[in-house]
PDB file of N, CA and C in Angstrom:
ATOM      1  N   MET A   1      -0.930  75.392 -25.489  1.00  0.00           N
ATOM      2  CA  MET A   1      -0.774  74.297 -24.524  1.00  0.00           C
ATOM      3  C   MET A   1      -1.161  74.717 -23.176  1.00  0.00           C
ATOM      4  N   ILE A   2      -0.940  75.958 -22.683  1.00  0.00           N
ATOM      5  CA  ILE A   2      -1.444  76.439 -21.476  1.00  0.00           C
ATOM      6  C   ILE A   2      -3.025  76.420 -21.236  1.00  0.00           C
ATOM      7  N   LYS A   3      -3.686  76.778 -22.320  1.00  0.00           N
ATOM      8  CA  LYS A   3      -5.101  76.812 -22.387  1.00  0.00           C
ATOM      9  C   LYS A   3      -5.623  75.450 -22.282  1.00  0.00           C
ATOM     10  N   TYR A   4      -4.953  74.474 -22.935  1.00  0.00           N
ATOM     11  CA  TYR A   4      -5.423  73.096 -22.939  1.00  0.00           C
ATOM     12  C   TYR A   4      -5.244  72.523 -21.568  1.00  0.00           C
ATOM     13  N   LEU A   5      -4.129  72.703 -20.727  1.00  0.00           N
ATOM     14  CA  LEU A   5      -3.881  72.381 -19.454  1.00  0.00           C
ATOM     15  C   LEU A   5      -4.919  73.046 -18.468  1.00  0.00           C
ATOM     16  N   GLN A   6      -5.214  74.334 -18.816  1.00  0.00           N
ATOM     17  CA  GLN A   6      -6.169  75.016 -17.894  1.00  0.00           C
ATOM     18  C   GLN A   6      -7.497  74.440 -18.131  1.00  0.00           C
ATOM     19  N   LEU A   7      -7.979  74.027 -19.287  1.00  0.00           N
ATOM     20  CA  LEU A   7      -9.238  73.357 -19.632  1.00  0.00           C
ATOM     21  C   LEU A   7      -9.285  71.985 -18.823  1.00  0.00           C
ATOM     22  N   ILE A   8      -8.194  71.336 -18.773  1.00  0.00           N
ATOM     23  CA  ILE A   8      -8.155  69.917 -18.163  1.00  0.00           C
ATOM     24  C   ILE A   8      -8.373  70.110 -16.710  1.00  0.00           C
ATOM     25  N   VAL A   9      -7.595  71.092 -16.149  1.00  0.00           N
ATOM     26  CA  VAL A   9      -7.748  71.430 -14.504  1.00  0.00           C
ATOM     27  C   VAL A   9      -9.186  71.821 -14.310  1.00  0.00           C
ATOM     28  N   SER A  10      -9.716  72.690 -15.083  1.00  0.00           N
ATOM     29  CA  SER A  10     -11.103  73.148 -14.699  1.00  0.00           C
ATOM     30  C   SER A  10     -12.137  71.976 -14.894  1.00  0.00           C
ATOM     31  N   LEU A  11     -11.836  71.039 -15.747  1.00  0.00           N
ATOM     32  CA  LEU A  11     -12.767  69.913 -15.967  1.00  0.00           C
ATOM     33  C   LEU A  11     -12.635  68.915 -14.679  1.00  0.00           C
ATOM     34  N   ILE A  12     -11.332  68.831 -14.324  1.00  0.00           N
ATOM     35  CA  ILE A  12     -11.114  68.013 -13.080  1.00  0.00           C
ATOM     36  C   ILE A  12     -11.949  68.577 -11.826  1.00  0.00           C
ATOM     37  N   LYS A  13     -11.940  69.849 -11.784  1.00  0.00           N
ATOM     38  CA  LYS A  13     -12.639  70.489 -10.603  1.00  0.00           C
ATOM     39  C   LYS A  13     -14.185  70.325 -10.745  1.00  0.00           C
ATOM     40  N   ASP A  14     -14.780  70.036 -12.004  1.00  0.00           N
ATOM     41  CA  ASP A  14     -16.141  70.037 -12.206  1.00  0.00           C
ATOM     42  C   ASP A  14     -16.787  68.773 -11.469  1.00  0.00           C
ATOM     43  N   GLN A  15     -17.751  69.058 -10.676  1.00  0.00           N
ATOM     44  CA  GLN A  15     -18.382  67.899  -9.876  1.00  0.00           C
ATOM     45  C   GLN A  15     -19.234  66.995 -10.622  1.00  0.00           C
ATOM     46  N   ARG A  16     -19.694  67.530 -11.934  1.00  0.00           N
ATOM     47  CA  ARG A  16     -20.552  66.728 -12.761  1.00  0.00           C
ATOM     48  C   ARG A  16     -19.844  65.517 -13.401  1.00  0.00           C
ATOM     49  N   ILE A  17     -18.496  65.611 -13.456  1.00  0.00           N
ATOM     50  CA  ILE A  17     -17.717  64.582 -14.214  1.00  0.00           C
ATOM     51  C   ILE A  17     -17.425  63.371 -13.123  1.00  0.00           C
ATOM     52  N   HIS A  18     -17.796  62.216 -13.739  1.00  0.00           N
ATOM     53  CA  HIS A  18     -17.521  60.980 -12.958  1.00  0.00           C
ATOM     54  C   HIS A  18     -16.114  60.949 -12.429  1.00  0.00           C
ATOM     55  N   PRO A  19     -15.888  60.550 -11.247  1.00  0.00           N
ATOM     56  CA  PRO A  19     -14.451  60.366 -10.613  1.00  0.00           C
ATOM     57  C   PRO A  19     -13.685  59.433 -11.328  1.00  0.00           C
ATOM     58  N   LEU A  20     -14.143  58.409 -11.828  1.00  0.00           N
ATOM     59  CA  LEU A  20     -13.261  57.432 -12.634  1.00  0.00           C
ATOM     60  C   LEU A  20     -12.651  58.040 -13.840  1.00  0.00           C
ATOM     61  N   ILE A  21     -13.444  58.934 -14.434  1.00  0.00           N
ATOM     62  CA  ILE A  21     -12.914  59.676 -15.624  1.00  0.00           C
ATOM     63  C   ILE A  21     -11.744  60.749 -15.204  1.00  0.00           C
ATOM     64  N   LYS A  22     -11.892  61.255 -14.097  1.00  0.00           N
ATOM     65  CA  LYS A  22     -10.914  62.165 -13.513  1.00  0.00           C
ATOM     66  C   LYS A  22      -9.519  61.508 -13.194  1.00  0.00           C
ATOM     67  N   ILE A  23      -9.574  60.157 -13.174  1.00  0.00           N
ATOM     68  CA  ILE A  23      -8.328  59.451 -12.882  1.00  0.00           C
ATOM     69  C   ILE A  23      -7.405  59.556 -13.957  1.00  0.00           C
ATOM     70  N   LEU A  24      -7.822  59.715 -15.184  1.00  0.00           N
ATOM     71  CA  LEU A  24      -7.041  59.561 -16.380  1.00  0.00           C
ATOM     72  C   LEU A  24      -5.910  60.635 -16.352  1.00  0.00           C
ATOM     73  N   PRO A  25      -6.107  61.864 -16.134  1.00  0.00           N
ATOM     74  CA  PRO A  25      -5.015  62.819 -16.144  1.00  0.00           C
ATOM     75  C   PRO A  25      -3.975  62.462 -14.947  1.00  0.00           C
ATOM     76  N   PHE A  26      -4.365  61.947 -13.878  1.00  0.00           N
ATOM     77  CA  PHE A  26      -3.444  61.509 -12.790  1.00  0.00           C
ATOM     78  C   PHE A  26      -2.723  60.319 -13.244  1.00  0.00           C
ATOM     79  N   LEU A  27      -3.271  59.430 -13.980  1.00  0.00           N
ATOM     80  CA  LEU A  27      -2.573  58.286 -14.431  1.00  0.00           C
ATOM     81  C   LEU A  27      -1.378  58.718 -15.415  1.00  0.00           C
ATOM     82  N   SER A  28      -1.709  59.808 -16.148  1.00  0.00           N
ATOM     83  CA  SER A  28      -0.580  60.261 -17.060  1.00  0.00           C
ATOM     84  C   SER A  28       0.640  60.823 -16.205  1.00  0.00           C
ATOM     85  N   LEU A  29       0.257  61.448 -15.065  1.00  0.00           N
ATOM     86  CA  LEU A  29       1.325  61.922 -14.346  1.00  0.00           C
ATOM     87  C   LEU A  29       2.097  60.801 -13.607  1.00  0.00           C
ATOM     88  N   ILE A  30       1.351  59.699 -13.226  1.00  0.00           N
ATOM     89  CA  ILE A  30       2.056  58.566 -12.629  1.00  0.00           C
ATOM     90  C   ILE A  30       2.917  57.868 -13.645  1.00  0.00           C
ATOM     91  N   TYR A  31       2.484  57.934 -14.922  1.00  0.00           N
ATOM     92  CA  TYR A  31       3.400  57.219 -15.853  1.00  0.00           C
ATOM     93  C   TYR A  31       4.580  58.061 -16.175  1.00  0.00           C
ATOM     94  N   LEU A  32       4.466  59.483 -15.930  1.00  0.00           N
ATOM     95  CA  LEU A  32       5.639  60.247 -16.028  1.00  0.00           C
ATOM     96  C   LEU A  32       6.791  59.836 -14.991  1.00  0.00           C
ATOM     97  N   LEU A  33       6.177  59.560 -13.694  1.00  0.00           N
ATOM     98  CA  LEU A  33       7.088  59.155 -12.631  1.00  0.00           C
ATOM     99  C   LEU A  33       7.603  57.794 -12.898  1.00  0.00           C
ATOM    100  N   TYR A  34       6.904  56.891 -13.289  1.00  0.00           N
ATOM    101  CA  TYR A  34       7.271  55.531 -13.460  1.00  0.00           C
ATOM    102  C   TYR A  34       6.939  55.028 -14.839  1.00  0.00           C
ATOM    103  N   PRO A  35       7.992  55.305 -15.872  1.00  0.00           N
ATOM    104  CA  PRO A  35       7.742  55.131 -17.262  1.00  0.00           C
ATOM    105  C   PRO A  35       7.875  53.637 -17.690  1.00  0.00           C
ATOM    106  N   ASP A  36       8.090  52.663 -16.795  1.00  0.00           N
ATOM    107  CA  ASP A  36       8.281  51.335 -17.195  1.00  0.00           C
ATOM    108  C   ASP A  36       6.919  50.467 -17.252  1.00  0.00           C
ATOM    109  N   PHE A  37       5.857  51.223 -17.176  1.00  0.00           N
ATOM    110  CA  PHE A  37       4.584  50.474 -17.191  1.00  0.00           C
ATOM    111  C   PHE A  37       4.332  49.938 -18.596  1.00  0.00           C
ATOM    112  N   ILE A  38       4.798  50.614 -19.629  1.00  0.00           N
ATOM    113  CA  ILE A  38       4.562  50.271 -21.018  1.00  0.00           C
ATOM    114  C   ILE A  38       5.935  50.053 -21.679  1.00  0.00           C
ATOM    115  N   PRO A  39       6.574  48.929 -21.775  1.00  0.00           N
ATOM    116  CA  PRO A  39       7.836  48.665 -22.369  1.00  0.00           C
ATOM    117  C   PRO A  39       7.729  48.965 -23.859  1.00  0.00           C
ATOM    118  N   GLY A  40       8.875  49.292 -24.405  1.00  0.00           N
ATOM    119  CA  GLY A  40       8.997  49.566 -25.802  1.00  0.00           C
ATOM    120  C   GLY A  40       9.376  50.951 -26.201  1.00  0.00           C
ATOM    121  N   PRO A  41       9.275  51.354 -27.450  1.00  0.00           N
ATOM    122  CA  PRO A  41       9.582  52.658 -27.851  1.00  0.00           C
ATOM    123  C   PRO A  41       8.567  53.778 -27.689  1.00  0.00           C
ATOM    124  N   PHE A  42       7.794  53.624 -26.668  1.00  0.00           N
ATOM    125  CA  PHE A  42       6.712  54.782 -26.500  1.00  0.00           C
ATOM    126  C   PHE A  42       7.430  55.917 -25.759  1.00  0.00           C
ATOM    127  N   ASP A  43       7.183  57.094 -26.331  1.00  0.00           N
ATOM    128  CA  ASP A  43       7.707  58.315 -25.758  1.00  0.00           C
ATOM    129  C   ASP A  43       6.743  58.805 -24.623  1.00  0.00           C
ATOM    130  N   ASP A  44       7.372  59.397 -23.607  1.00  0.00           N
ATOM    131  CA  ASP A  44       6.477  59.798 -22.455  1.00  0.00           C
ATOM    132  C   ASP A  44       5.464  60.821 -22.923  1.00  0.00           C
ATOM    133  N   ALA A  45       5.837  61.713 -23.810  1.00  0.00           N
ATOM    134  CA  ALA A  45       4.866  62.743 -24.266  1.00  0.00           C
ATOM    135  C   ALA A  45       3.671  62.114 -25.021  1.00  0.00           C
ATOM    136  N   VAL A  46       3.862  61.128 -25.772  1.00  0.00           N
ATOM    137  CA  VAL A  46       2.963  60.442 -26.552  1.00  0.00           C
ATOM    138  C   VAL A  46       1.978  59.729 -25.567  1.00  0.00           C
ATOM    139  N   VAL A  47       2.356  58.994 -24.640  1.00  0.00           N
ATOM    140  CA  VAL A  47       1.519  58.347 -23.570  1.00  0.00           C
ATOM    141  C   VAL A  47       0.729  59.381 -22.780  1.00  0.00           C
ATOM    142  N   ILE A  48       1.291  60.396 -22.351  1.00  0.00           N
ATOM    143  CA  ILE A  48       0.642  61.381 -21.578  1.00  0.00           C
ATOM    144  C   ILE A  48      -0.445  61.998 -22.471  1.00  0.00           C
ATOM    145  N   ALA A  49      -0.228  62.407 -23.731  1.00  0.00           N
ATOM    146  CA  ALA A  49      -1.072  62.985 -24.474  1.00  0.00           C
ATOM    147  C   ALA A  49      -2.202  62.175 -24.872  1.00  0.00           C
ATOM    148  N   LEU A  50      -2.011  60.807 -24.976  1.00  0.00           N
ATOM    149  CA  LEU A  50      -2.919  59.691 -25.133  1.00  0.00           C
ATOM    150  C   LEU A  50      -3.980  59.707 -23.961  1.00  0.00           C
ATOM    151  N   PHE A  51      -3.382  59.742 -22.786  1.00  0.00           N
ATOM    152  CA  PHE A  51      -4.259  59.701 -21.484  1.00  0.00           C
ATOM    153  C   PHE A  51      -5.270  61.013 -21.554  1.00  0.00           C
ATOM    154  N   LEU A  52      -4.639  62.100 -21.806  1.00  0.00           N
ATOM    155  CA  LEU A  52      -5.430  63.406 -21.835  1.00  0.00           C
ATOM    156  C   LEU A  52      -6.467  63.373 -22.961  1.00  0.00           C
ATOM    157  N   LYS A  53      -6.071  62.909 -24.150  1.00  0.00           N
ATOM    158  CA  LYS A  53      -7.124  62.803 -25.188  1.00  0.00           C
ATOM    159  C   LYS A  53      -8.188  61.864 -24.890  1.00  0.00           C
ATOM    160  N   ILE A  54      -7.998  60.813 -24.240  1.00  0.00           N
ATOM    161  CA  ILE A  54      -8.939  59.734 -23.762  1.00  0.00           C
ATOM    162  C   ILE A  54      -9.824  60.507 -22.663  1.00  0.00           C
ATOM    163  N   PHE A  55      -9.175  61.247 -21.801  1.00  0.00           N
ATOM    164  CA  PHE A  55      -9.998  61.908 -20.771  1.00  0.00           C
ATOM    165  C   PHE A  55     -11.030  62.975 -21.425  1.00  0.00           C
ATOM    166  N   LEU A  56     -10.438  63.641 -22.456  1.00  0.00           N
ATOM    167  CA  LEU A  56     -11.482  64.693 -23.183  1.00  0.00           C
ATOM    168  C   LEU A  56     -12.485  63.959 -23.960  1.00  0.00           C
ATOM    169  N   ALA A  57     -12.177  62.792 -24.485  1.00  0.00           N
ATOM    170  CA  ALA A  57     -13.135  62.025 -25.296  1.00  0.00           C
ATOM    171  C   ALA A  57     -14.234  61.519 -24.306  1.00  0.00           C
ATOM    172  N   LEU A  58     -14.050  61.156 -23.133  1.00  0.00           N
ATOM    173  CA  LEU A  58     -14.917  60.672 -22.262  1.00  0.00           C
ATOM    174  C   LEU A  58     -15.743  61.762 -21.536  1.00  0.00           C
ATOM    175  N   VAL A  59     -15.486  63.098 -21.502  1.00  0.00           N
ATOM    176  CA  VAL A  59     -16.040  64.073 -20.946  1.00  0.00           C
ATOM    177  C   VAL A  59     -17.045  64.604 -21.875  1.00  0.00           C
ATOM    178  N   PRO A  60     -18.342  64.682 -21.514  1.00  0.00           N
ATOM    179  CA  PRO A  60     -19.397  65.186 -22.470  1.00  0.00           C
ATOM    180  C   PRO A  60     -19.071  66.456 -23.128  1.00  0.00           C
ATOM    181  N   ASP A  61     -19.284  66.773 -24.453  1.00  0.00           N
ATOM    182  CA  ASP A  61     -18.916  67.880 -25.232  1.00  0.00           C
ATOM    183  C   ASP A  61     -19.483  69.151 -24.594  1.00  0.00           C
ATOM    184  N   GLU A  62     -20.663  69.036 -24.069  1.00  0.00           N
ATOM    185  CA  GLU A  62     -21.361  70.328 -23.628  1.00  0.00           C
ATOM    186  C   GLU A  62     -20.482  70.873 -22.351  1.00  0.00           C
ATOM    187  N   TYR A  63     -19.946  69.968 -21.469  1.00  0.00           N
ATOM    188  CA  TYR A  63     -19.148  70.311 -20.433  1.00  0.00           C
ATOM    189  C   TYR A  63     -17.855  71.040 -20.901  1.00  0.00           C
ATOM    190  N   ILE A  64     -17.157  70.477 -21.888  1.00  0.00           N
ATOM    191  CA  ILE A  64     -15.933  71.022 -22.431  1.00  0.00           C
ATOM    192  C   ILE A  64     -16.267  72.427 -23.050  1.00  0.00           C
ATOM    193  N   GLU A  65     -17.369  72.601 -23.829  1.00  0.00           N
ATOM    194  CA  GLU A  65     -17.746  73.819 -24.362  1.00  0.00           C
ATOM    195  C   GLU A  65     -17.963  74.922 -23.292  1.00  0.00           C
ATOM    196  N   GLU A  66     -18.719  74.387 -22.226  1.00  0.00           N
ATOM    197  CA  GLU A  66     -19.022  75.322 -21.136  1.00  0.00           C
ATOM    198  C   GLU A  66     -17.780  75.833 -20.449  1.00  0.00           C
ATOM    199  N   HIS A  67     -16.774  74.991 -20.206  1.00  0.00           N
ATOM    200  CA  HIS A  67     -15.556  75.309 -19.593  1.00  0.00           C
ATOM    201  C   HIS A  67     -14.802  76.314 -20.456  1.00  0.00           C
ATOM    202  N   ARG A  68     -14.737  75.996 -21.848  1.00  0.00           N
ATOM    203  CA  ARG A  68     -13.915  76.814 -22.758  1.00  0.00           C
ATOM    204  C   ARG A  68     -14.669  78.335 -22.825  1.00  0.00           C
ATOM    205  N   PHE A  69     -15.957  78.350 -22.867  1.00  0.00           N
ATOM    206  CA  PHE A  69     -16.637  79.567 -22.753  1.00  0.00           C
ATOM    207  C   PHE A  69     -16.368  80.322 -21.528  1.00  0.00           C
ATOM    208  N   ASN A  70     -16.450  79.691 -20.329  1.00  0.00           N
ATOM    209  CA  ASN A  70     -16.136  80.411 -19.146  1.00  0.00           C
ATOM    210  C   ASN A  70     -14.714  80.824 -19.031  1.00  0.00           C
ATOM    211  N   ARG A  71     -13.860  80.163 -19.518  1.00  0.00           N
ATOM    212  CA  ARG A  71     -12.391  80.458 -19.450  1.00  0.00           C
ATOM    213  C   ARG A  71     -12.131  81.706 -20.338  1.00  0.00           C
ATOM    214  N   ASP A  72     -12.700  81.590 -21.540  1.00  0.00           N
ATOM    215  CA  ASP A  72     -12.349  82.509 -22.515  1.00  0.00           C
ATOM    216  C   ASP A  72     -13.047  83.966 -22.201  1.00  0.00           C
ATOM    217  N   TYR A  73     -14.289  83.908 -21.705  1.00  0.00           N
ATOM    218  CA  TYR A  73     -14.961  85.162 -21.608  1.00  0.00           C
ATOM    219  C   TYR A  73     -15.121  85.639 -20.145  1.00  0.00           C
ATOM    220  N   GLN A  74     -14.681  84.929 -19.286  1.00  0.00           N
ATOM    221  CA  GLN A  74     -14.792  85.465 -17.840  1.00  0.00           C
ATOM    222  C   GLN A  74     -13.364  85.344 -17.182  1.00  0.00           C
ATOM    223  N   GLN A  75     -12.447  86.029 -17.760  1.00  0.00           N
ATOM    224  CA  GLN A  75     -11.161  86.012 -17.214  1.00  0.00           C
ATOM    225  C   GLN A  75     -11.075  86.811 -15.863  1.00  0.00           C
ATOM    226  N   PRO A  76     -10.207  86.628 -14.903  1.00  0.00           N
ATOM    227  CA  PRO A  76     -10.055  87.419 -13.821  1.00  0.00           C
ATOM    228  C   PRO A  76      -9.713  88.799 -14.227  1.00  0.00           C
ATOM    229  N   GLY A  77     -10.308  89.820 -13.657  1.00  0.00           N
ATOM    230  CA  GLY A  77     -10.211  91.161 -13.873  1.00  0.00           C
ATOM    231  C   GLY A  77     -10.940  91.741 -15.073  1.00  0.00           C
ATOM    232  N   SER A  78     -11.847  90.887 -15.690  1.00  0.00           N
ATOM    233  CA  SER A  78     -12.622  91.384 -16.822  1.00  0.00           C
ATOM    234  C   SER A  78     -13.881  91.865 -16.175  1.00  0.00           C
ATOM    235  N   SER A  79     -14.506  92.759 -16.847  1.00  0.00           N
ATOM    236  CA  SER A  79     -15.764  93.497 -16.344  1.00  0.00           C
ATOM    237  C   SER A  79     -16.989  92.583 -16.462  1.00  0.00           C
ATOM    238  N   SER A  80     -17.738  92.628 -15.430  1.00  0.00           N
ATOM    239  CA  SER A  80     -19.006  91.792 -15.472  1.00  0.00           C
ATOM    240  C   SER A  80     -20.124  92.868 -15.830  1.00  0.00           C
ATOM    241  N   GLU A  81     -21.318  92.350 -15.936  1.00  0.00           N
ATOM    242  CA  GLU A  81     -22.331  93.250 -16.349  1.00  0.00           C
ATOM    243  C   GLU A  81     -22.648  94.268 -15.221  1.00  0.00           C
ATOM    244  N   GLU A  82     -22.364  93.851 -13.942  1.00  0.00           N
ATOM    245  CA  GLU A  82     -22.710  94.768 -12.850  1.00  0.00           C
ATOM    246  C   GLU A  82     -21.797  95.812 -12.745  1.00  0.00           C
ATOM    247  N   GLU A  83     -20.616  95.826 -13.361  1.00  0.00           N
ATOM    248  CA  GLU A  83     -19.600  96.935 -13.284  1.00  0.00           C
ATOM    249  C   GLU A  83     -19.631  97.776 -14.606  1.00  0.00           C
ATOM    250  N   ILE A  84     -20.553  97.505 -15.489  1.00  0.00           N
ATOM    251  CA  ILE A  84     -20.792  98.428 -16.668  1.00  0.00           C
ATOM    252  C   ILE A  84     -21.415  99.767 -16.212  1.00  0.00           C
ATOM    253  N   ILE A  85     -20.806 100.746 -16.640  1.00  0.00           N
ATOM    254  CA  ILE A  85     -21.414 102.124 -16.444  1.00  0.00           C
ATOM    255  C   ILE A  85     -21.949 102.588 -17.708  1.00  0.00           C
ATOM    256  N   GLU A  86     -23.309 102.963 -17.570  1.00  0.00           N
ATOM    257  CA  GLU A  86     -24.039 103.431 -18.750  1.00  0.00           C
ATOM    258  C   GLU A  86     -23.580 104.871 -19.041  1.00  0.00           C
ATOM    259  N   GLY A  87     -23.581 105.267 -20.228  1.00  0.00           N
ATOM    260  CA  GLY A  87     -23.279 106.659 -20.585  1.00  0.00           C
ATOM    261  C   GLY A  87     -23.809 107.059 -21.909  1.00  0.00           C
ATOM    262  N   GLU A  88     -23.526 108.272 -22.279  1.00  0.00           N
ATOM    263  CA  GLU A  88     -23.932 108.694 -23.680  1.00  0.00           C
ATOM    264  C   GLU A  88     -22.777 109.273 -24.358  1.00  0.00           C
ATOM    265  N   PHE A  89     -22.833 109.126 -25.602  1.00  0.00           N
ATOM    266  CA  PHE A  89     -21.796 109.776 -26.403  1.00  0.00           C
ATOM    267  C   PHE A  89     -22.294 110.868 -27.330  1.00  0.00           C
ATOM    268  N   TRP A  90     -21.802 111.972 -27.467  1.00  0.00           N
ATOM    269  CA  TRP A  90     -22.156 113.084 -28.256  1.00  0.00           C
ATOM    270  C   TRP A  90     -20.926 113.674 -28.985  1.00  0.00           C
ATOM    271  N   GLU A  91     -21.203 114.287 -30.180  1.00  0.00           N
ATOM    272  CA  GLU A  91     -20.179 114.880 -30.880  1.00  0.00           C
ATOM    273  C   GLU A  91     -20.374 116.337 -30.850  1.00  0.00           C
ATOM    274  N   GLU A  92     -19.313 117.219 -30.944  1.00  0.00           N
ATOM    275  CA  GLU A  92     -19.386 118.634 -30.959  1.00  0.00           C
ATOM    276  C   GLU A  92     -19.361 119.227 -32.435  1.00  0.00           C
TER     277      GLU A  92
END
């Protein structure tokens, strides 16, 4: 769940995604504050999940995969290619 939310936050920060699409996650937060927009037996979690799923459906797949790749393989504190020290291994 945390990785899912991190993905959504990083996609919101991406300048290539249309601003109108970025409104959907914020609409889910507004629904959480004012749950009377949709009367009936809708659970808050279902409506919020629906907004977030629609958001991810509207974002191009290559952007989602790019953000997943960057999040998984470039975590803070991980070594980059500039920090790799070359060495040799020998057995006695």
